[in-house]
């Protein structure tokens, strides 16, 4: 149970902006298989806000999220996420105005993040 609590804390750091109240009881961890299974996750209504979409999330629920973690090659292989049963209720967001600068900044940050990841992988191979 201690390991599940540690994994739940780690996942909260990465998924905390998107899901509410992630706890160890929602985890099913298969260490040797590399799977971390999360069940019955409530999506935060603010999860899509940074994307400036023309919709606003009213309610969201994720039935199952399976993360396939390559424990032996954690730094060189990707973690794969499989989503099953994503249900959302959304309404039009009439207050959204396209912000070109914000979109370009978000795109640039994504590129920088990918470059850092590639550089880290290259360093780990040495």
N, C-alpha and C. Protein backbone atom coordinates (compact mmCIF):
# COMPACT_ATOMS: atom_id res chain seq x y z
N UNK A 1 0.82 -1.20 0.00
CA UNK A 1 0.00 0.00 0.00
C UNK A 1 0.86 1.26 0.00
N UNK A 2 2.05 1.18 0.59
CA UNK A 2 2.94 2.34 0.61
C UNK A 2 3.36 2.71 -0.80
N UNK A 3 3.67 1.69 -1.63
CA UNK A 3 4.08 1.96 -3.00
C UNK A 3 2.95 2.64 -3.78
N UNK A 4 1.72 2.16 -3.61
CA UNK A 4 0.58 2.76 -4.29
C UNK A 4 0.41 4.23 -3.90
N UNK A 5 0.64 4.53 -2.62
CA UNK A 5 0.53 5.92 -2.16
C UNK A 5 1.59 6.79 -2.80
N UNK A 6 2.82 6.26 -2.91
CA UNK A 6 3.90 7.01 -3.56
C UNK A 6 3.58 7.26 -5.04
N UNK A 7 3.08 6.23 -5.72
CA UNK A 7 2.73 6.39 -7.14
C UNK A 7 1.57 7.37 -7.29
N UNK A 8 0.60 7.32 -6.39
CA UNK A 8 -0.53 8.26 -6.44
C UNK A 8 -0.04 9.69 -6.27
N UNK A 9 0.90 9.91 -5.35
CA UNK A 9 1.46 11.25 -5.16
C UNK A 9 2.18 11.73 -6.41
N UNK A 10 2.95 10.85 -7.02
CA UNK A 10 3.67 11.20 -8.24
C UNK A 10 2.70 11.52 -9.38
N UNK A 11 1.68 10.69 -9.53
CA UNK A 11 0.69 10.93 -10.58
C UNK A 11 -0.09 12.22 -10.34
N UNK A 12 -0.34 12.54 -9.08
CA UNK A 12 -1.01 13.80 -8.76
C UNK A 12 -0.21 14.99 -9.25
N UNK A 13 1.11 14.90 -9.18
CA UNK A 13 1.94 15.99 -9.68
C UNK A 13 1.77 16.20 -11.17
N UNK A 14 1.65 15.09 -11.91
CA UNK A 14 1.55 15.19 -13.37
C UNK A 14 0.12 15.31 -13.87
N UNK A 15 -0.82 14.70 -13.19
CA UNK A 15 -2.21 14.71 -13.65
C UNK A 15 -3.10 15.65 -12.84
N UNK A 16 -2.55 16.26 -11.81
CA UNK A 16 -3.33 17.08 -10.89
C UNK A 16 -4.06 18.24 -11.53
N UNK A 17 -3.54 18.76 -12.65
CA UNK A 17 -4.22 19.85 -13.35
C UNK A 17 -5.44 19.37 -14.12
N UNK A 18 -5.56 18.06 -14.30
CA UNK A 18 -6.61 17.51 -15.15
C UNK A 18 -7.65 16.67 -14.42
N UNK A 19 -7.25 16.01 -13.33
CA UNK A 19 -8.20 15.15 -12.61
C UNK A 19 -8.30 15.57 -11.15
N UNK A 20 -9.47 15.31 -10.57
CA UNK A 20 -9.73 15.63 -9.17
C UNK A 20 -9.48 14.42 -8.28
N UNK A 21 -8.91 14.69 -7.13
CA UNK A 21 -8.84 13.72 -6.03
C UNK A 21 -8.33 12.34 -6.41
N UNK A 22 -7.18 12.30 -7.05
CA UNK A 22 -6.55 11.03 -7.36
C UNK A 22 -5.98 10.45 -6.07
N UNK A 23 -6.34 9.20 -5.77
CA UNK A 23 -5.80 8.58 -4.56
C UNK A 23 -5.42 7.13 -4.82
N UNK A 24 -4.75 6.54 -3.86
CA UNK A 24 -4.21 5.18 -4.01
C UNK A 24 -5.30 4.14 -4.25
N UNK A 25 -6.51 4.38 -3.78
CA UNK A 25 -7.58 3.39 -3.96
C UNK A 25 -8.00 3.26 -5.42
N UNK A 26 -7.65 4.25 -6.24
CA UNK A 26 -8.00 4.21 -7.66
C UNK A 26 -6.92 3.52 -8.50
N UNK A 27 -5.82 3.12 -7.86
CA UNK A 27 -4.70 2.53 -8.56
C UNK A 27 -4.74 1.01 -8.55
N UNK A 28 -4.32 0.45 -9.67
CA UNK A 28 -4.06 -0.97 -9.76
C UNK A 28 -2.72 -1.07 -10.48
N UNK A 29 -1.69 -1.47 -9.75
CA UNK A 29 -0.34 -1.43 -10.30
C UNK A 29 0.17 -2.84 -10.55
N UNK A 30 0.57 -3.08 -11.79
CA UNK A 30 1.24 -4.32 -12.15
C UNK A 30 2.69 -4.01 -12.42
N UNK A 31 3.53 -4.13 -11.42
CA UNK A 31 4.92 -3.71 -11.51
C UNK A 31 5.64 -4.38 -12.67
N UNK A 32 5.59 -5.68 -12.73
CA UNK A 32 6.38 -6.38 -13.74
C UNK A 32 5.77 -6.24 -15.12
N UNK A 33 4.49 -6.08 -15.20
CA UNK A 33 3.85 -5.88 -16.50
C UNK A 33 4.01 -4.45 -16.99
N UNK A 34 4.33 -3.54 -16.10
CA UNK A 34 4.54 -2.16 -16.49
C UNK A 34 3.27 -1.34 -16.57
N UNK A 35 2.16 -1.87 -16.09
CA UNK A 35 0.90 -1.14 -16.20
C UNK A 35 0.52 -0.47 -14.88
N UNK A 36 0.09 0.76 -15.00
CA UNK A 36 -0.53 1.47 -13.88
C UNK A 36 -1.94 1.77 -14.35
N UNK A 37 -2.93 1.24 -13.66
CA UNK A 37 -4.32 1.42 -14.06
C UNK A 37 -5.02 2.34 -13.07
N UNK A 38 -5.68 3.34 -13.62
CA UNK A 38 -6.46 4.29 -12.81
C UNK A 38 -7.91 4.17 -13.23
N UNK A 39 -8.79 4.09 -12.25
CA UNK A 39 -10.21 3.93 -12.53
C UNK A 39 -11.02 5.05 -11.90
N UNK A 40 -12.12 5.38 -12.56
CA UNK A 40 -13.11 6.32 -12.03
C UNK A 40 -12.51 7.68 -11.68
N UNK A 41 -11.95 8.34 -12.67
CA UNK A 41 -11.34 9.65 -12.46
C UNK A 41 -12.31 10.75 -12.87
N UNK A 42 -12.46 11.73 -12.02
CA UNK A 42 -13.29 12.89 -12.36
C UNK A 42 -12.39 13.96 -12.97
N UNK A 43 -12.77 14.43 -14.16
CA UNK A 43 -12.00 15.45 -14.86
C UNK A 43 -12.34 16.81 -14.28
N UNK A 44 -11.31 17.62 -14.02
CA UNK A 44 -11.55 18.97 -13.50
C UNK A 44 -12.21 19.83 -14.56
N UNK A 45 -13.13 20.68 -14.16
CA UNK A 45 -13.81 21.55 -15.12
C UNK A 45 -12.84 22.57 -15.72
N UNK A 46 -11.70 22.77 -15.12
CA UNK A 46 -10.69 23.70 -15.64
C UNK A 46 -9.65 23.02 -16.52
N UNK A 47 -9.80 21.72 -16.77
CA UNK A 47 -8.78 20.94 -17.49
C UNK A 47 -8.49 21.47 -18.89
N UNK A 48 -9.47 22.06 -19.55
CA UNK A 48 -9.29 22.52 -20.93
C UNK A 48 -9.08 24.03 -21.04
N UNK A 49 -9.09 24.72 -19.93
CA UNK A 49 -9.06 26.19 -19.96
C UNK A 49 -7.85 26.77 -20.67
N UNK A 50 -6.68 26.19 -20.48
CA UNK A 50 -5.46 26.73 -21.08
C UNK A 50 -5.41 26.54 -22.59
N UNK A 51 -6.29 25.74 -23.14
CA UNK A 51 -6.27 25.47 -24.58
C UNK A 51 -7.05 26.50 -25.40
N UNK A 52 -7.75 27.40 -24.73
CA UNK A 52 -8.55 28.42 -25.42
C UNK A 52 -9.50 27.82 -26.46
N UNK A 53 -10.18 26.77 -26.09
CA UNK A 53 -11.13 26.13 -26.98
C UNK A 53 -12.46 26.87 -26.95
N UNK A 54 -13.26 26.73 -28.00
CA UNK A 54 -14.57 27.39 -28.01
C UNK A 54 -15.62 26.64 -27.19
N UNK A 55 -15.18 25.73 -26.33
CA UNK A 55 -16.08 25.01 -25.44
C UNK A 55 -15.58 25.14 -24.00
N UNK A 56 -16.51 25.00 -23.07
CA UNK A 56 -16.18 25.02 -21.65
C UNK A 56 -16.67 23.71 -21.06
N UNK A 57 -15.81 23.06 -20.30
CA UNK A 57 -16.14 21.79 -19.69
C UNK A 57 -17.05 22.01 -18.49
N UNK A 58 -18.18 21.32 -18.47
CA UNK A 58 -19.09 21.38 -17.34
C UNK A 58 -18.90 20.17 -16.43
N UNK A 59 -18.64 19.02 -17.04
CA UNK A 59 -18.42 17.80 -16.27
C UNK A 59 -17.61 16.85 -17.13
N UNK A 60 -16.71 16.13 -16.49
CA UNK A 60 -15.93 15.13 -17.20
C UNK A 60 -15.64 13.94 -16.31
N UNK A 61 -15.65 12.77 -16.91
CA UNK A 61 -15.41 11.53 -16.18
C UNK A 61 -14.60 10.60 -17.06
N UNK A 62 -13.58 9.98 -16.49
CA UNK A 62 -12.74 9.03 -17.20
C UNK A 62 -12.87 7.68 -16.52
N UNK A 63 -13.42 6.72 -17.24
CA UNK A 63 -13.66 5.39 -16.68
C UNK A 63 -12.35 4.68 -16.36
N UNK A 64 -11.40 4.68 -17.33
CA UNK A 64 -10.15 3.96 -17.09
C UNK A 64 -9.01 4.61 -17.86
N UNK A 65 -7.87 4.74 -17.18
CA UNK A 65 -6.62 5.21 -17.78
C UNK A 65 -5.56 4.17 -17.46
N UNK A 66 -4.94 3.62 -18.51
CA UNK A 66 -3.87 2.64 -18.32
C UNK A 66 -2.58 3.25 -18.84
N UNK A 67 -1.59 3.33 -17.96
CA UNK A 67 -0.26 3.83 -18.33
C UNK A 67 0.66 2.63 -18.45
N UNK A 68 1.23 2.44 -19.63
CA UNK A 68 2.19 1.36 -19.85
C UNK A 68 3.58 1.95 -19.66
N UNK A 69 4.21 1.56 -18.56
CA UNK A 69 5.49 2.15 -18.17
C UNK A 69 6.61 1.15 -18.43
N UNK A 70 7.57 1.53 -19.27
CA UNK A 70 8.71 0.64 -19.55
C UNK A 70 9.75 0.75 -18.43
N UNK A 71 9.53 0.07 -17.32
CA UNK A 71 10.36 0.23 -16.13
C UNK A 71 11.85 0.02 -16.42
N UNK A 72 12.18 -0.93 -17.28
CA UNK A 72 13.59 -1.22 -17.54
C UNK A 72 14.24 -0.17 -18.44
N UNK A 73 13.46 0.52 -19.24
CA UNK A 73 13.98 1.54 -20.15
C UNK A 73 13.25 2.86 -19.95
N UNK A 74 13.10 3.25 -18.73
CA UNK A 74 12.28 4.40 -18.37
C UNK A 74 12.76 5.70 -19.02
N UNK A 75 14.05 5.86 -19.20
CA UNK A 75 14.59 7.11 -19.75
C UNK A 75 14.67 7.12 -21.27
N UNK A 76 14.51 5.98 -21.90
CA UNK A 76 14.67 5.94 -23.35
C UNK A 76 13.41 5.57 -24.11
N UNK A 77 12.42 5.03 -23.43
CA UNK A 77 11.18 4.66 -24.10
C UNK A 77 10.02 5.47 -23.54
N UNK A 78 9.02 5.72 -24.37
CA UNK A 78 7.88 6.53 -23.90
C UNK A 78 6.94 5.74 -22.99
N UNK A 79 6.23 6.48 -22.17
CA UNK A 79 5.13 5.93 -21.39
C UNK A 79 3.89 6.06 -22.27
N UNK A 80 3.19 4.98 -22.49
CA UNK A 80 2.00 5.00 -23.34
C UNK A 80 0.75 5.10 -22.46
N UNK A 81 -0.18 5.94 -22.88
CA UNK A 81 -1.43 6.12 -22.15
C UNK A 81 -2.58 5.62 -23.00
N UNK A 82 -3.43 4.78 -22.42
CA UNK A 82 -4.61 4.26 -23.08
C UNK A 82 -5.83 4.73 -22.29
N UNK A 83 -6.70 5.47 -22.96
CA UNK A 83 -7.89 6.03 -22.32
C UNK A 83 -9.10 5.22 -22.77
N UNK A 84 -9.92 4.82 -21.81
CA UNK A 84 -11.13 4.07 -22.11
C UNK A 84 -12.29 4.69 -21.34
N UNK A 85 -13.30 5.11 -22.05
CA UNK A 85 -14.50 5.66 -21.42
C UNK A 85 -14.33 7.08 -20.94
N UNK A 86 -14.07 7.99 -21.86
CA UNK A 86 -13.98 9.41 -21.52
C UNK A 86 -15.32 10.05 -21.86
N UNK A 87 -15.97 10.60 -20.85
CA UNK A 87 -17.28 11.22 -21.01
C UNK A 87 -17.19 12.67 -20.56
N UNK A 88 -17.63 13.58 -21.42
CA UNK A 88 -17.62 14.99 -21.03
C UNK A 88 -18.93 15.65 -21.41
N UNK A 89 -19.27 16.64 -20.63
CA UNK A 89 -20.38 17.53 -20.96
C UNK A 89 -19.75 18.91 -21.13
N UNK A 90 -19.93 19.46 -22.32
CA UNK A 90 -19.33 20.75 -22.62
C UNK A 90 -20.39 21.70 -23.17
N UNK A 91 -20.17 22.97 -22.98
CA UNK A 91 -21.07 24.00 -23.49
C UNK A 91 -20.24 25.01 -24.28
N UNK A 92 -20.88 25.75 -25.17
CA UNK A 92 -20.13 26.77 -25.92
C UNK A 92 -19.50 27.79 -24.98
N UNK A 93 -18.30 28.18 -25.30
CA UNK A 93 -17.60 29.20 -24.52
C UNK A 93 -17.51 30.45 -25.39
N UNK A 94 -18.49 31.30 -25.25
CA UNK A 94 -18.57 32.49 -26.11
C UNK A 94 -17.52 33.53 -25.75
N UNK A 95 -16.89 33.40 -24.61
CA UNK A 95 -15.90 34.38 -24.18
C UNK A 95 -14.50 34.13 -24.73
N UNK A 96 -14.32 33.08 -25.54
CA UNK A 96 -12.99 32.76 -26.04
C UNK A 96 -12.66 33.61 -27.26
N UNK A 97 -11.52 34.26 -27.19
CA UNK A 97 -10.99 35.01 -28.32
C UNK A 97 -9.63 34.42 -28.64
N UNK A 98 -9.41 34.11 -29.91
CA UNK A 98 -8.13 33.52 -30.32
C UNK A 98 -7.01 34.50 -30.06
N UNK A 99 -5.99 34.04 -29.36
CA UNK A 99 -4.83 34.85 -29.03
C UNK A 99 -3.63 34.23 -29.74
N UNK A 100 -3.22 34.86 -30.84
CA UNK A 100 -2.14 34.32 -31.66
C UNK A 100 -0.84 34.21 -30.87
N UNK A 101 -0.53 35.23 -30.07
CA UNK A 101 0.72 35.21 -29.30
C UNK A 101 0.73 34.06 -28.29
N UNK A 102 -0.40 33.86 -27.65
CA UNK A 102 -0.49 32.78 -26.66
C UNK A 102 -0.36 31.41 -27.34
N UNK A 103 -0.98 31.26 -28.50
CA UNK A 103 -0.89 30.01 -29.24
C UNK A 103 0.54 29.75 -29.69
N UNK A 104 1.22 30.79 -30.17
CA UNK A 104 2.61 30.64 -30.59
C UNK A 104 3.52 30.31 -29.41
N UNK A 105 3.26 30.93 -28.28
CA UNK A 105 4.04 30.66 -27.07
C UNK A 105 3.85 29.22 -26.63
N UNK A 106 2.61 28.74 -26.64
CA UNK A 106 2.32 27.36 -26.26
C UNK A 106 3.02 26.39 -27.20
N UNK A 107 3.01 26.70 -28.50
CA UNK A 107 3.67 25.85 -29.48
C UNK A 107 5.19 25.84 -29.26
N UNK A 108 5.76 27.01 -28.99
CA UNK A 108 7.20 27.11 -28.74
C UNK A 108 7.60 26.34 -27.48
N UNK A 109 6.79 26.43 -26.43
CA UNK A 109 7.06 25.70 -25.20
C UNK A 109 7.02 24.19 -25.43
N UNK A 110 6.08 23.74 -26.25
CA UNK A 110 5.99 22.31 -26.57
C UNK A 110 7.23 21.86 -27.34
N UNK A 111 7.70 22.68 -28.26
CA UNK A 111 8.91 22.34 -29.02
C UNK A 111 10.13 22.29 -28.10
N UNK A 112 10.25 23.25 -27.20
CA UNK A 112 11.37 23.27 -26.26
C UNK A 112 11.35 22.05 -25.35
N UNK A 113 10.18 21.68 -24.91
CA UNK A 113 10.04 20.51 -24.05
C UNK A 113 10.48 19.25 -24.79
N UNK A 114 10.09 19.13 -26.04
CA UNK A 114 10.48 17.97 -26.84
C UNK A 114 11.98 17.96 -27.08
N UNK A 115 12.58 19.12 -27.35
CA UNK A 115 14.03 19.19 -27.53
C UNK A 115 14.77 18.78 -26.26
N UNK A 116 14.29 19.22 -25.12
CA UNK A 116 14.92 18.84 -23.85
C UNK A 116 14.82 17.33 -23.62
N UNK A 117 13.68 16.77 -23.96
CA UNK A 117 13.50 15.33 -23.81
C UNK A 117 14.46 14.56 -24.71
N UNK A 118 14.59 15.01 -25.97
CA UNK A 118 15.50 14.35 -26.90
C UNK A 118 16.95 14.47 -26.44
N UNK A 119 17.32 15.65 -25.96
CA UNK A 119 18.67 15.86 -25.47
C UNK A 119 18.96 14.97 -24.26
N UNK A 120 18.00 14.84 -23.37
CA UNK A 120 18.16 13.98 -22.20
C UNK A 120 18.33 12.53 -22.61
N UNK A 121 17.56 12.09 -23.59
CA UNK A 121 17.69 10.72 -24.10
C UNK A 121 19.07 10.50 -24.70
N UNK A 122 19.55 11.49 -25.43
CA UNK A 122 20.87 11.38 -26.06
C UNK A 122 21.96 11.27 -24.99
N UNK A 123 21.84 12.04 -23.93
CA UNK A 123 22.82 11.99 -22.84
C UNK A 123 22.80 10.64 -22.13
N UNK A 124 21.62 10.08 -21.98
CA UNK A 124 21.49 8.79 -21.28
C UNK A 124 22.05 7.63 -22.08
N UNK A 125 22.14 7.76 -23.38
CA UNK A 125 22.67 6.69 -24.22
C UNK A 125 24.18 6.60 -24.15
N UNK A 126 24.83 7.66 -23.74
CA UNK A 126 26.31 7.67 -23.69
C UNK A 126 26.85 6.79 -22.62
